[in-house]
Amino acid sequence: MVADEKEDQPYDSIVGGTIVFSPDSKRLAYLAKEGGKWVVIVDGKEENGISAPIFSPDSKHIAFVDQEGNKSFVVVDGKEGKKYDGIGKQPGENTSVFSPDGKRIAYEVFDGSNRFVVIDGKEEKRYGNIVVTPVFSPDSKRIVYGARAGNKSFMVVDGKEEKQYDNFYHHPVFSPDSKRLAYLAREGNHWLMVVDGKEEKKYDGYGLSNPIFSPDSKRVAYAVQGDYFGVVVVDGKEEKKYNGVSNLKFSSDSKTLAYGAVNFTNFTNFPDFENGSVEIANFLVANGKEGKKYYFALQNKYDNIISTFTFDSADSLHYLVLKENGIYLVEEKISDVS
């Protein structure tokens, strides 16, 4: 390993995907092998370990997995945890998750036929499987993960099991104030968003994006996307339908929801793109109002929105546009969107 032009001790191999800097950039750790022995190098010092290391958000703590015989355990700041048949879902996997304040840790283990989550050293209820890894709330006080019993899955929120579904997609999302929770569930052929334990509209065969909360935690939005169909749902209500929607973002004052939309026009033999033609309009939508449209035809050079939307203030945002002769930065005021 070479860091800041300084060579570390040589090893037979270094696992490149395990090289991590701490969030404050002051610490470095990685997994290496010498002879037949795996070691984790933390701040230049060797420790016994078999997995990628993970730093806490405050950079003060580090966790990795080690093995003794046929038992595995998590090591946090040099202290060994309880030994189990395995950590995570496969040997050498580090599923450790630190809380945002760095003071708590959770990870998935299996012992015999049981799988369960260990939070702050305490074992949670045993299940057939853990289908969603633990997620801490922004204030570090709450935690949620997905478990499975039989052929049904459910979220476990602060130790309490919620309604059972067939499966989940994406990780659950806490609101910025940590008081609210939203996640995407599947029931048969239906996908639906569960917000604060309440089910929203079911969609058959459509894909739903991960939800986003507004900065004040009072609003929630997500996108529903099917074949040539897209609509944004905000505060439980559908907005105008388009052929596609993406890049949802709330303004800093939580009053404006902006996203990108796509509409197909002037098409022939649609959706047979190879033998037909179609003109596609890309544009910003802010609080239901459409901004300037950028058009391109599949057979011609693109005029297209090519970046996410970034709010500069509560009333203005910018994004990048690709036109025939270059890339341009577009600055737009919400008040100017027609």
C-alpha atoms as a PDB file:
ATOM      1  CA  MET A   1       0.000   0.000   0.000  1.00  0.00           C
ATOM      2  CA  VAL A   2       1.213   3.480  -0.911  1.00  0.00           C
ATOM      3  CA  ALA A   3      -0.510   6.454   0.764  1.00  0.00           C
ATOM      4  CA  ASP A   4       0.744  10.013   0.291  1.00  0.00           C
ATOM      5  CA  GLU A   5       3.819   8.528  -1.432  1.00  0.00           C
ATOM      6  CA  LYS A   6       4.720   6.515   1.681  1.00  0.00           C
ATOM      7  CA  GLU A   7       5.084   2.757   1.324  1.00  0.00           C
ATOM      8  CA  ASP A   8       3.463   0.469   3.877  1.00  0.00           C
ATOM      9  CA  GLN A   9       4.669  -3.027   4.716  1.00  0.00           C
ATOM     10  CA  PRO A  10       4.503  -5.344   1.680  1.00  0.00           C
ATOM     11  CA  TYR A  11       2.063  -8.276   1.539  1.00  0.00           C
ATOM     12  CA  ASP A  12       1.429 -11.153  -0.821  1.00  0.00           C
ATOM     13  CA  SER A  13      -1.863  -9.533  -1.802  1.00  0.00           C
ATOM     14  CA  ILE A  14      -4.098  -6.590  -0.943  1.00  0.00           C
ATOM     15  CA  VAL A  15      -7.832  -6.724  -1.652  1.00  0.00           C
ATOM     16  CA  GLY A  16      -8.379  -3.475  -3.533  1.00  0.00           C
ATOM     17  CA  GLY A  17     -12.098  -3.293  -2.896  1.00  0.00           C
ATOM     18  CA  THR A  18     -11.482  -3.223   0.870  1.00  0.00           C
ATOM     19  CA  ILE A  19      -9.312  -0.100   0.937  1.00  0.00           C
ATOM     20  CA  VAL A  20     -11.220   2.565   2.896  1.00  0.00           C
ATOM     21  CA  PHE A  21     -10.466   6.001   4.295  1.00  0.00           C
ATOM     22  CA  SER A  22     -12.308   7.187   7.379  1.00  0.00           C
ATOM     23  CA  PRO A  23     -14.914   9.897   6.709  1.00  0.00           C
ATOM     24  CA  ASP A  24     -12.567  12.563   8.130  1.00  0.00           C
ATOM     25  CA  SER A  25      -9.794  11.309   5.773  1.00  0.00           C
ATOM     26  CA  LYS A  26      -7.333  10.872   8.645  1.00  0.00           C
ATOM     27  CA  ARG A  27      -7.412   7.067   8.905  1.00  0.00           C
ATOM     28  CA  LEU A  28      -6.822   4.234   6.436  1.00  0.00           C
ATOM     29  CA  ALA A  29      -7.682   0.533   6.608  1.00  0.00           C
ATOM     30  CA  TYR A  30      -7.646  -2.459   4.257  1.00  0.00           C
ATOM     31  CA  LEU A  31      -7.587  -6.257   4.072  1.00  0.00           C
ATOM     32  CA  ALA A  32      -4.338  -8.026   3.129  1.00  0.00           C
ATOM     33  CA  LYS A  33      -2.936 -11.537   2.970  1.00  0.00           C
ATOM     34  CA  GLU A  34       0.514 -12.817   3.890  1.00  0.00           C
ATOM     35  CA  GLY A  35       1.197 -16.486   3.375  1.00  0.00           C
ATOM     36  CA  GLY A  36      -2.050 -18.208   4.285  1.00  0.00           C
ATOM     37  CA  LYS A  37      -3.127 -15.585   6.828  1.00  0.00           C
ATOM     38  CA  TRP A  38      -5.570 -12.726   6.344  1.00  0.00           C
ATOM     39  CA  VAL A  39      -5.006  -9.510   8.300  1.00  0.00           C
ATOM     40  CA  VAL A  40      -6.721  -6.135   8.519  1.00  0.00           C
ATOM     41  CA  ILE A  41      -4.376  -3.162   8.496  1.00  0.00           C
ATOM     42  CA  VAL A  42      -5.718  -0.258  10.567  1.00  0.00           C
ATOM     43  CA  ASP A  43      -3.670   2.935  10.744  1.00  0.00           C
ATOM     44  CA  GLY A  44      -0.603   0.929   9.720  1.00  0.00           C
ATOM     45  CA  LYS A  45      -1.032  -1.773  12.354  1.00  0.00           C
ATOM     46  CA  GLU A  46      -1.960  -5.396  11.722  1.00  0.00           C
ATOM     47  CA  GLU A  47      -5.016  -6.995  13.330  1.00  0.00           C
ATOM     48  CA  ASN A  48      -6.427 -10.455  12.738  1.00  0.00           C
ATOM     49  CA  GLY A  49      -9.411 -10.212  10.399  1.00  0.00           C
ATOM     50  CA  ILE A  50     -11.000 -11.759   7.304  1.00  0.00           C
ATOM     51  CA  SER A  51     -13.311  -9.041   5.966  1.00  0.00           C
ATOM     52  CA  ALA A  52     -13.372  -5.523   4.659  1.00  0.00           C
ATOM     53  CA  PRO A  53     -13.146  -2.931   7.464  1.00  0.00           C
ATOM     54  CA  ILE A  54     -15.884  -0.339   8.019  1.00  0.00           C
ATOM     55  CA  PHE A  55     -15.401   3.033   9.738  1.00  0.00           C
ATOM     56  CA  SER A  56     -18.075   4.748  11.790  1.00  0.00           C
ATOM     57  CA  PRO A  57     -19.425   8.076  10.458  1.00  0.00           C
ATOM     58  CA  ASP A  58     -17.505   9.988  13.147  1.00  0.00           C
ATOM     59  CA  SER A  59     -14.286   8.141  12.151  1.00  0.00           C
ATOM     60  CA  LYS A  60     -13.628   7.102  15.748  1.00  0.00           C
ATOM     61  CA  HIS A  61     -14.550   3.428  15.444  1.00  0.00           C
ATOM     62  CA  ILE A  62     -13.814   0.562  13.074  1.00  0.00           C
ATOM     63  CA  ALA A  63     -15.408  -2.851  12.655  1.00  0.00           C
ATOM     64  CA  PHE A  64     -14.476  -6.002  10.740  1.00  0.00           C
ATOM     65  CA  VAL A  65     -15.039  -9.750  10.907  1.00  0.00           C
ATOM     66  CA  ASP A  66     -12.568 -12.311  12.236  1.00  0.00           C
ATOM     67  CA  GLN A  67     -12.677 -16.084  12.501  1.00  0.00           C
ATOM     68  CA  GLU A  68     -11.586 -18.669  15.037  1.00  0.00           C
ATOM     69  CA  GLY A  69     -11.966 -22.270  13.966  1.00  0.00           C
ATOM     70  CA  ASN A  70     -15.406 -22.569  12.394  1.00  0.00           C
ATOM     71  CA  LYS A  71     -16.825 -19.584  14.283  1.00  0.00           C
ATOM     72  CA  SER A  72     -16.948 -15.945  13.192  1.00  0.00           C
ATOM     73  CA  PHE A  73     -17.295 -12.745  15.180  1.00  0.00           C
ATOM     74  CA  VAL A  74     -17.241  -8.974  14.762  1.00  0.00           C
ATOM     75  CA  VAL A  75     -14.296  -6.992  16.091  1.00  0.00           C
ATOM     76  CA  VAL A  76     -15.022  -3.378  17.081  1.00  0.00           C
ATOM     77  CA  ASP A  77     -12.026  -1.242  18.044  1.00  0.00           C
ATOM     78  CA  GLY A  78     -10.062  -4.374  18.858  1.00  0.00           C
ATOM     79  CA  LYS A  79     -12.768  -5.920  21.042  1.00  0.00           C
ATOM     80  CA  GLU A  80     -14.166  -9.278  19.972  1.00  0.00           C
ATOM     81  CA  GLY A  81     -17.915  -9.884  19.924  1.00  0.00           C
ATOM     82  CA  LYS A  82     -19.773 -13.122  20.506  1.00  0.00           C
ATOM     83  CA  LYS A  83     -18.878 -16.006  18.195  1.00  0.00           C
ATOM     84  CA  TYR A  84     -21.444 -17.368  15.735  1.00  0.00           C
ATOM     85  CA  ASP A  85     -21.569 -19.807  12.840  1.00  0.00           C
ATOM     86  CA  GLY A  86     -21.313 -16.847  10.495  1.00  0.00           C
ATOM     87  CA  ILE A  87     -21.590 -13.086  10.099  1.00  0.00           C
ATOM     88  CA  GLY A  88     -23.675 -11.744   7.247  1.00  0.00           C
ATOM     89  CA  LYS A  89     -24.841 -14.112   4.527  1.00  0.00           C
ATOM     90  CA  GLN A  90     -21.526 -15.638   3.494  1.00  0.00           C
ATOM     91  CA  PRO A  91     -17.981 -16.097   4.873  1.00  0.00           C
ATOM     92  CA  GLY A  92     -15.902 -12.933   4.912  1.00  0.00           C
ATOM     93  CA  GLU A  93     -18.874 -10.607   4.587  1.00  0.00           C
ATOM     94  CA  ASN A  94     -19.028  -7.581   6.879  1.00  0.00           C
ATOM     95  CA  THR A  95     -22.631  -6.428   7.340  1.00  0.00           C
ATOM     96  CA  SER A  96     -21.820  -4.080  10.211  1.00  0.00           C
ATOM     97  CA  VAL A  97     -23.759  -0.817  10.230  1.00  0.00           C
ATOM     98  CA  PHE A  98     -22.805   2.073  12.507  1.00  0.00           C
ATOM     99  CA  SER A  99     -25.360   4.616  13.647  1.00  0.00           C
ATOM    100  CA  PRO A 100     -24.906   8.180  12.328  1.00  0.00           C
ATOM    101  CA  ASP A 101     -23.442   9.332  15.664  1.00  0.00           C
ATOM    102  CA  GLY A 102     -20.996   6.407  15.652  1.00  0.00           C
ATOM    103  CA  LYS A 103     -22.076   5.182  19.078  1.00  0.00           C
ATOM    104  CA  ARG A 104     -24.144   2.161  18.023  1.00  0.00           C
ATOM    105  CA  ILE A 105     -23.579  -0.822  15.769  1.00  0.00           C
ATOM    106  CA  ALA A 106     -25.771  -3.535  14.267  1.00  0.00           C
ATOM    107  CA  TYR A 107     -25.014  -6.552  12.112  1.00  0.00           C
ATOM    108  CA  GLU A 108     -26.614  -9.704  10.753  1.00  0.00           C
ATOM    109  CA  VAL A 109     -25.529 -13.169  11.948  1.00  0.00           C
ATOM    110  CA  PHE A 110     -26.558 -16.784  11.476  1.00  0.00           C
ATOM    111  CA  ASP A 111     -26.377 -19.558  14.001  1.00  0.00           C
ATOM    112  CA  GLY A 112     -27.554 -22.972  12.893  1.00  0.00           C
ATOM    113  CA  SER A 113     -30.698 -22.460  10.814  1.00  0.00           C
ATOM    114  CA  ASN A 114     -31.521 -19.125  12.460  1.00  0.00           C
ATOM    115  CA  ARG A 115     -30.681 -15.670  11.223  1.00  0.00           C
ATOM    116  CA  PHE A 116     -31.010 -12.583  13.341  1.00  0.00           C
ATOM    117  CA  VAL A 117     -29.651  -9.105  13.987  1.00  0.00           C
ATOM    118  CA  VAL A 118     -27.318  -8.135  16.812  1.00  0.00           C
ATOM    119  CA  ILE A 119     -27.776  -4.532  17.966  1.00  0.00           C
ATOM    120  CA  ASP A 120     -25.296  -3.045  20.438  1.00  0.00           C
ATOM    121  CA  GLY A 121     -24.248  -6.562  21.384  1.00  0.00           C
ATOM    122  CA  LYS A 122     -27.804  -7.745  22.098  1.00  0.00           C
ATOM    123  CA  GLU A 123     -29.462 -10.461  20.027  1.00  0.00           C
ATOM    124  CA  GLU A 124     -32.797  -9.707  18.401  1.00  0.00           C
ATOM    125  CA  LYS A 125     -35.498 -12.297  17.685  1.00  0.00           C
ATOM    126  CA  ARG A 126     -34.436 -15.213  15.492  1.00  0.00           C
ATOM    127  CA  TYR A 127     -35.972 -15.593  12.032  1.00  0.00           C
ATOM    128  CA  GLY A 128     -35.631 -17.753   8.956  1.00  0.00           C
ATOM    129  CA  ASN A 129     -33.815 -14.967   7.117  1.00  0.00           C
ATOM    130  CA  ILE A 130     -32.873 -11.294   7.231  1.00  0.00           C
ATOM    131  CA  VAL A 131     -33.928  -9.744   3.917  1.00  0.00           C
ATOM    132  CA  VAL A 132     -33.121  -6.066   4.569  1.00  0.00           C
ATOM    133  CA  THR A 133     -29.991  -5.046   6.450  1.00  0.00           C
ATOM    134  CA  PRO A 134     -30.424  -2.716   9.462  1.00  0.00           C
ATOM    135  CA  VAL A 135     -30.926   1.009   8.919  1.00  0.00           C
ATOM    136  CA  PHE A 136     -30.496   3.559  11.732  1.00  0.00           C
ATOM    137  CA  SER A 137     -32.526   6.748  11.923  1.00  0.00           C
ATOM    138  CA  PRO A 138     -30.712  10.083  11.509  1.00  0.00           C
ATOM    139  CA  ASP A 139     -30.819  10.702  15.279  1.00  0.00           C
ATOM    140  CA  SER A 140     -29.353   7.193  15.868  1.00  0.00           C
ATOM    141  CA  LYS A 141     -32.154   6.286  18.276  1.00  0.00           C
ATOM    142  CA  ARG A 142     -34.286   4.102  15.998  1.00  0.00           C
ATOM    143  CA  ILE A 143     -33.524   1.093  13.811  1.00  0.00           C
ATOM    144  CA  VAL A 144     -35.368  -0.927  11.170  1.00  0.00           C
ATOM    145  CA  TYR A 145     -34.573  -4.106   9.257  1.00  0.00           C
ATOM    146  CA  GLY A 146     -36.446  -6.657   7.175  1.00  0.00           C
ATOM    147  CA  ALA A 147     -36.997 -10.259   8.308  1.00  0.00           C
ATOM    148  CA  ARG A 148     -38.642 -13.318   6.792  1.00  0.00           C
ATOM    149  CA  ALA A 149     -40.624 -16.103   8.393  1.00  0.00           C
ATOM    150  CA  GLY A 150     -42.000 -18.845   6.158  1.00  0.00           C
ATOM    151  CA  ASN A 151     -42.912 -17.295   2.810  1.00  0.00           C
ATOM    152  CA  LYS A 152     -43.645 -13.798   4.150  1.00  0.00           C
ATOM    153  CA  SER A 153     -41.428 -10.810   4.867  1.00  0.00           C
ATOM    154  CA  PHE A 154     -41.948  -7.881   7.228  1.00  0.00           C
ATOM    155  CA  MET A 155     -40.141  -4.875   8.614  1.00  0.00           C
ATOM    156  CA  VAL A 156     -39.041  -4.913  12.227  1.00  0.00           C
ATOM    157  CA  VAL A 157     -39.196  -1.323  13.483  1.00  0.00           C
ATOM    158  CA  ASP A 158     -37.743  -0.638  16.918  1.00  0.00           C
ATOM    159  CA  GLY A 159     -38.209  -4.298  17.768  1.00  0.00           C
ATOM    160  CA  LYS A 160     -41.836  -4.494  16.601  1.00  0.00           C
ATOM    161  CA  GLU A 161     -42.953  -6.511  13.577  1.00  0.00           C
ATOM    162  CA  GLU A 162     -45.060  -4.686  10.995  1.00  0.00           C
ATOM    163  CA  LYS A 163     -47.485  -6.134   8.435  1.00  0.00           C
ATOM    164  CA  GLN A 164     -46.287  -9.087   6.358  1.00  0.00           C
ATOM    165  CA  TYR A 165     -45.715  -8.814   2.604  1.00  0.00           C
ATOM    166  CA  ASP A 166     -44.298 -11.026  -0.114  1.00  0.00           C
ATOM    167  CA  ASN A 167     -41.098  -9.028  -0.418  1.00  0.00           C
ATOM    168  CA  PHE A 168     -39.402  -5.633  -0.268  1.00  0.00           C
ATOM    169  CA  TYR A 169     -37.398  -3.531  -2.675  1.00  0.00           C
ATOM    170  CA  HIS A 170     -34.929  -0.786  -1.683  1.00  0.00           C
ATOM    171  CA  HIS A 171     -33.968   0.038   1.870  1.00  0.00           C
ATOM    172  CA  PRO A 172     -36.454   1.739   4.206  1.00  0.00           C
ATOM    173  CA  VAL A 173     -36.092   5.504   4.551  1.00  0.00           C
ATOM    174  CA  PHE A 174     -36.407   7.557   7.728  1.00  0.00           C
ATOM    175  CA  SER A 175     -37.475  11.194   7.612  1.00  0.00           C
ATOM    176  CA  PRO A 176     -34.842  13.806   8.573  1.00  0.00           C
ATOM    177  CA  ASP A 177     -36.436  14.232  12.023  1.00  0.00           C
ATOM    178  CA  SER A 178     -36.361  10.414  12.522  1.00  0.00           C
ATOM    179  CA  LYS A 179     -40.060  10.320  13.377  1.00  0.00           C
ATOM    180  CA  ARG A 180     -41.389   8.946  10.079  1.00  0.00           C
ATOM    181  CA  LEU A 181     -40.581   5.865   8.005  1.00  0.00           C
ATOM    182  CA  ALA A 182     -41.393   4.801   4.449  1.00  0.00           C
ATOM    183  CA  TYR A 183     -40.607   1.657   2.485  1.00  0.00           C
ATOM    184  CA  LEU A 184     -41.600  -0.144  -0.705  1.00  0.00           C
ATOM    185  CA  ALA A 185     -43.355  -3.515  -0.413  1.00  0.00           C
ATOM    186  CA  ARG A 186     -44.648  -6.137  -2.846  1.00  0.00           C
ATOM    187  CA  GLU A 187     -47.904  -8.028  -2.400  1.00  0.00           C
ATOM    188  CA  GLY A 188     -48.522 -10.498  -5.229  1.00  0.00           C
ATOM    189  CA  ASN A 189     -48.146  -8.516  -8.460  1.00  0.00           C
ATOM    190  CA  HIS A 190     -48.763  -5.246  -6.655  1.00  0.00           C
ATOM    191  CA  TRP A 191     -46.145  -2.758  -5.496  1.00  0.00           C
ATOM    192  CA  LEU A 192     -47.096  -0.239  -2.840  1.00  0.00           C
ATOM    193  CA  MET A 193     -45.506   2.344  -0.599  1.00  0.00           C
ATOM    194  CA  VAL A 194     -45.942   2.007   3.149  1.00  0.00           C
ATOM    195  CA  VAL A 195     -45.658   5.363   4.931  1.00  0.00           C
ATOM    196  CA  ASP A 196     -45.827   5.516   8.723  1.00  0.00           C
ATOM    197  CA  GLY A 197     -47.281   2.005   8.702  1.00  0.00           C
ATOM    198  CA  LYS A 198     -50.130   2.962   6.324  1.00  0.00           C
ATOM    199  CA  GLU A 199     -50.455   1.551   2.827  1.00  0.00           C
ATOM    200  CA  GLU A 200     -50.730   3.876  -0.151  1.00  0.00           C
ATOM    201  CA  LYS A 201     -52.158   3.022  -3.583  1.00  0.00           C
ATOM    202  CA  LYS A 202     -51.218  -0.361  -5.066  1.00  0.00           C
ATOM    203  CA  TYR A 203     -49.682  -0.480  -8.548  1.00  0.00           C
ATOM    204  CA  ASP A 204     -49.844  -3.617 -10.678  1.00  0.00           C
ATOM    205  CA  GLY A 205     -46.677  -4.408 -12.588  1.00  0.00           C
ATOM    206  CA  TYR A 206     -45.113  -0.951 -12.188  1.00  0.00           C
ATOM    207  CA  GLY A 207     -41.794  -0.062 -10.595  1.00  0.00           C
ATOM    208  CA  LEU A 208     -41.686   2.406  -7.710  1.00  0.00           C
ATOM    209  CA  SER A 209     -38.650   4.469  -6.762  1.00  0.00           C
ATOM    210  CA  ASN A 210     -37.317   4.797  -3.264  1.00  0.00           C
ATOM    211  CA  PRO A 211     -39.249   7.477  -1.342  1.00  0.00           C
ATOM    212  CA  ILE A 212     -37.795  10.858  -0.393  1.00  0.00           C
ATOM    213  CA  PHE A 213     -38.852  13.067   2.509  1.00  0.00           C
ATOM    214  CA  SER A 214     -38.822  16.846   2.451  1.00  0.00           C
ATOM    215  CA  PRO A 215     -36.272  18.593   4.698  1.00  0.00           C
ATOM    216  CA  ASP A 216     -39.003  19.453   7.240  1.00  0.00           C
ATOM    217  CA  SER A 217     -40.101  15.767   7.270  1.00  0.00           C
ATOM    218  CA  LYS A 218     -43.717  16.700   6.550  1.00  0.00           C
ATOM    219  CA  ARG A 219     -43.856  15.614   2.909  1.00  0.00           C
ATOM    220  CA  VAL A 220     -42.969  12.411   1.071  1.00  0.00           C
ATOM    221  CA  ALA A 221     -42.699  11.706  -2.656  1.00  0.00           C
ATOM    222  CA  TYR A 222     -41.822   8.866  -5.000  1.00  0.00           C
ATOM    223  CA  ALA A 223     -42.028   7.963  -8.693  1.00  0.00           C
ATOM    224  CA  VAL A 224     -44.124   5.233 -10.318  1.00  0.00           C
ATOM    225  CA  GLN A 225     -42.720   3.993 -13.622  1.00  0.00           C
ATOM    226  CA  GLY A 226     -44.164   1.496 -16.085  1.00  0.00           C
ATOM    227  CA  ASP A 227     -43.770   0.883 -19.820  1.00  0.00           C
ATOM    228  CA  TYR A 228     -43.891   4.395 -21.341  1.00  0.00           C
ATOM    229  CA  PHE A 229     -45.768   5.620 -18.291  1.00  0.00           C
ATOM    230  CA  GLY A 230     -44.568   7.621 -15.312  1.00  0.00           C
ATOM    231  CA  VAL A 231     -46.166   9.615 -12.531  1.00  0.00           C
ATOM    232  CA  VAL A 232     -44.968  11.220  -9.316  1.00  0.00           C
ATOM    233  CA  VAL A 233     -46.874  10.661  -6.095  1.00  0.00           C
ATOM    234  CA  VAL A 234     -46.466  13.407  -3.510  1.00  0.00           C
ATOM    235  CA  ASP A 235     -48.246  13.472  -0.168  1.00  0.00           C
ATOM    236  CA  GLY A 236     -50.317  10.500  -1.314  1.00  0.00           C
ATOM    237  CA  LYS A 237     -51.631  12.205  -4.476  1.00  0.00           C
ATOM    238  CA  GLU A 238     -50.707  11.488  -8.088  1.00  0.00           C
ATOM    239  CA  GLU A 239     -49.485  14.360 -10.238  1.00  0.00           C
ATOM    240  CA  LYS A 240     -49.843  14.586 -14.026  1.00  0.00           C
ATOM    241  CA  LYS A 241     -48.908  11.447 -15.954  1.00  0.00           C
ATOM    242  CA  TYR A 242     -45.963  11.516 -18.350  1.00  0.00           C
ATOM    243  CA  ASN A 243     -44.068   8.918 -20.360  1.00  0.00           C
ATOM    244  CA  GLY A 244     -41.300   8.986 -17.771  1.00  0.00           C
ATOM    245  CA  VAL A 245     -40.263  10.776 -14.566  1.00  0.00           C
ATOM    246  CA  SER A 246     -37.011  10.864 -12.576  1.00  0.00           C
ATOM    247  CA  ASN A 247     -34.681  12.833 -10.268  1.00  0.00           C
ATOM    248  CA  LEU A 248     -37.145  13.909  -7.568  1.00  0.00           C
ATOM    249  CA  LYS A 249     -35.890  16.603  -5.220  1.00  0.00           C
ATOM    250  CA  PHE A 250     -37.419  18.915  -2.606  1.00  0.00           C
ATOM    251  CA  SER A 251     -36.322  22.517  -2.111  1.00  0.00           C
ATOM    252  CA  SER A 252     -34.681  23.555   1.149  1.00  0.00           C
ATOM    253  CA  ASP A 253     -37.907  25.126   2.447  1.00  0.00           C
ATOM    254  CA  SER A 254     -39.847  21.919   1.551  1.00  0.00           C
ATOM    255  CA  LYS A 255     -42.410  23.911  -0.458  1.00  0.00           C
ATOM    256  CA  THR A 256     -41.278  22.860  -3.934  1.00  0.00           C
ATOM    257  CA  LEU A 257     -40.927  19.386  -5.427  1.00  0.00           C
ATOM    258  CA  ALA A 258     -38.970  19.328  -8.679  1.00  0.00           C
ATOM    259  CA  TYR A 259     -38.362  16.414 -11.035  1.00  0.00           C
ATOM    260  CA  GLY A 260     -37.552  15.610 -14.625  1.00  0.00           C
ATOM    261  CA  ALA A 261     -40.248  14.457 -17.036  1.00  0.00           C
ATOM    262  CA  VAL A 262     -40.235  12.901 -20.510  1.00  0.00           C
ATOM    263  CA  ASN A 263     -43.003  12.964 -23.106  1.00  0.00           C
ATOM    264  CA  PHE A 264     -43.078  11.291 -26.533  1.00  0.00           C
ATOM    265  CA  THR A 265     -44.523  13.297 -29.451  1.00  0.00           C
ATOM    266  CA  ASN A 266     -44.700  13.094 -33.245  1.00  0.00           C
ATOM    267  CA  PHE A 267     -44.158   9.366 -33.301  1.00  0.00           C
ATOM    268  CA  THR A 268     -44.775   6.722 -35.966  1.00  0.00           C
ATOM    269  CA  ASN A 269     -44.956   2.967 -35.295  1.00  0.00           C
ATOM    270  CA  PHE A 270     -44.388   3.708 -31.612  1.00  0.00           C
ATOM    271  CA  PRO A 271     -42.965   1.941 -29.638  1.00  0.00           C
ATOM    272  CA  ASP A 272     -41.124   0.204 -32.502  1.00  0.00           C
ATOM    273  CA  PHE A 273     -38.085   2.442 -32.226  1.00  0.00           C
ATOM    274  CA  GLU A 274     -36.062   0.587 -34.883  1.00  0.00           C
ATOM    275  CA  ASN A 275     -38.673   0.934 -37.639  1.00  0.00           C
ATOM    276  CA  GLY A 276     -40.432   4.049 -36.440  1.00  0.00           C
ATOM    277  CA  SER A 277     -39.595   7.544 -35.271  1.00  0.00           C
ATOM    278  CA  VAL A 278     -40.327   9.558 -32.182  1.00  0.00           C
ATOM    279  CA  GLU A 279     -39.561  13.014 -30.848  1.00  0.00           C
ATOM    280  CA  ILE A 280     -38.872  13.146 -27.131  1.00  0.00           C
ATOM    281  CA  ALA A 281     -39.356  16.192 -24.903  1.00  0.00           C
ATOM    282  CA  ASN A 282     -37.371  16.547 -21.660  1.00  0.00           C
ATOM    283  CA  PHE A 283     -38.364  19.199 -19.142  1.00  0.00           C
ATOM    284  CA  LEU A 284     -38.469  20.253 -15.537  1.00  0.00           C
ATOM    285  CA  VAL A 285     -41.657  19.954 -13.486  1.00  0.00           C
ATOM    286  CA  ALA A 286     -41.886  22.092 -10.334  1.00  0.00           C
ATOM    287  CA  ASN A 287     -44.984  21.942  -8.162  1.00  0.00           C
ATOM    288  CA  GLY A 288     -46.916  20.546 -11.120  1.00  0.00           C
ATOM    289  CA  LYS A 289     -45.830  23.269 -13.561  1.00  0.00           C
ATOM    290  CA  GLU A 290     -43.742  22.457 -16.640  1.00  0.00           C
ATOM    291  CA  GLY A 291     -40.532  24.289 -17.535  1.00  0.00           C
ATOM    292  CA  LYS A 292     -38.743  24.778 -20.851  1.00  0.00           C
ATOM    293  CA  LYS A 293     -38.813  21.705 -23.093  1.00  0.00           C
ATOM    294  CA  TYR A 294     -35.730  20.236 -24.749  1.00  0.00           C
ATOM    295  CA  TYR A 295     -36.488  18.029 -27.762  1.00  0.00           C
ATOM    296  CA  PHE A 296     -34.522  15.333 -29.513  1.00  0.00           C
ATOM    297  CA  ALA A 297     -35.276  12.724 -32.174  1.00  0.00           C
ATOM    298  CA  LEU A 298     -33.760   9.274 -31.872  1.00  0.00           C
ATOM    299  CA  GLN A 299     -32.088   9.515 -35.266  1.00  0.00           C
ATOM    300  CA  ASN A 300     -30.589  12.967 -34.657  1.00  0.00           C
ATOM    301  CA  LYS A 301     -28.208  14.622 -32.229  1.00  0.00           C
ATOM    302  CA  TYR A 302     -29.622  14.939 -28.747  1.00  0.00           C
ATOM    303  CA  ASP A 303     -31.034  17.961 -27.016  1.00  0.00           C
ATOM    304  CA  ASN A 304     -31.415  16.516 -23.566  1.00  0.00           C
ATOM    305  CA  ILE A 305     -31.312  17.208 -19.815  1.00  0.00           C
ATOM    306  CA  ILE A 306     -28.272  15.250 -18.626  1.00  0.00           C
ATOM    307  CA  SER A 307     -27.979  15.973 -14.882  1.00  0.00           C
ATOM    308  CA  THR A 308     -29.982  15.945 -11.695  1.00  0.00           C
ATOM    309  CA  PHE A 309     -31.589  19.136 -10.425  1.00  0.00           C
ATOM    310  CA  THR A 310     -29.744  21.123  -7.763  1.00  0.00           C
ATOM    311  CA  PHE A 311     -31.540  23.765  -5.720  1.00  0.00           C
ATOM    312  CA  ASP A 312     -29.478  26.932  -5.158  1.00  0.00           C
ATOM    313  CA  SER A 313     -32.199  28.416  -2.968  1.00  0.00           C
ATOM    314  CA  ALA A 314     -35.842  27.769  -2.212  1.00  0.00           C
ATOM    315  CA  ASP A 315     -36.822  29.466  -5.504  1.00  0.00           C
ATOM    316  CA  SER A 316     -34.018  28.621  -7.939  1.00  0.00           C
ATOM    317  CA  LEU A 317     -32.232  25.566  -9.274  1.00  0.00           C
ATOM    318  CA  HIS A 318     -29.815  24.579 -12.007  1.00  0.00           C
ATOM    319  CA  TYR A 319     -29.132  21.596 -14.257  1.00  0.00           C
ATOM    320  CA  LEU A 320     -27.077  20.632 -17.320  1.00  0.00           C
ATOM    321  CA  VAL A 321     -28.415  20.405 -20.870  1.00  0.00           C
ATOM    322  CA  LEU A 322     -26.779  18.726 -23.862  1.00  0.00           C
ATOM    323  CA  LYS A 323     -27.423  20.533 -27.140  1.00  0.00           C
ATOM    324  CA  GLU A 324     -26.015  19.978 -30.629  1.00  0.00           C
ATOM    325  CA  ASN A 325     -23.044  22.280 -30.139  1.00  0.00           C
ATOM    326  CA  GLY A 326     -22.208  21.777 -26.476  1.00  0.00           C
ATOM    327  CA  ILE A 327     -23.213  21.380 -22.838  1.00  0.00           C
ATOM    328  CA  TYR A 328     -24.927  24.249 -21.066  1.00  0.00           C
ATOM    329  CA  LEU A 329     -25.776  25.118 -17.475  1.00  0.00           C
ATOM    330  CA  VAL A 330     -29.422  26.140 -17.134  1.00  0.00           C
ATOM    331  CA  GLU A 331     -30.458  28.254 -14.179  1.00  0.00           C
ATOM    332  CA  GLU A 332     -34.187  28.435 -13.617  1.00  0.00           C
ATOM    333  CA  LYS A 333     -36.413  30.166 -11.077  1.00  0.00           C
ATOM    334  CA  ILE A 334     -39.430  28.294  -9.789  1.00  0.00           C
ATOM    335  CA  SER A 335     -41.497  31.456 -10.215  1.00  0.00           C
ATOM    336  CA  ASP A 336     -40.641  31.459 -13.952  1.00  0.00           C
ATOM    337  CA  VAL A 337     -41.827  27.906 -14.584  1.00  0.00           C
ATOM    338  CA  SER A 338     -45.073  28.255 -16.533  1.00  0.00           C
END
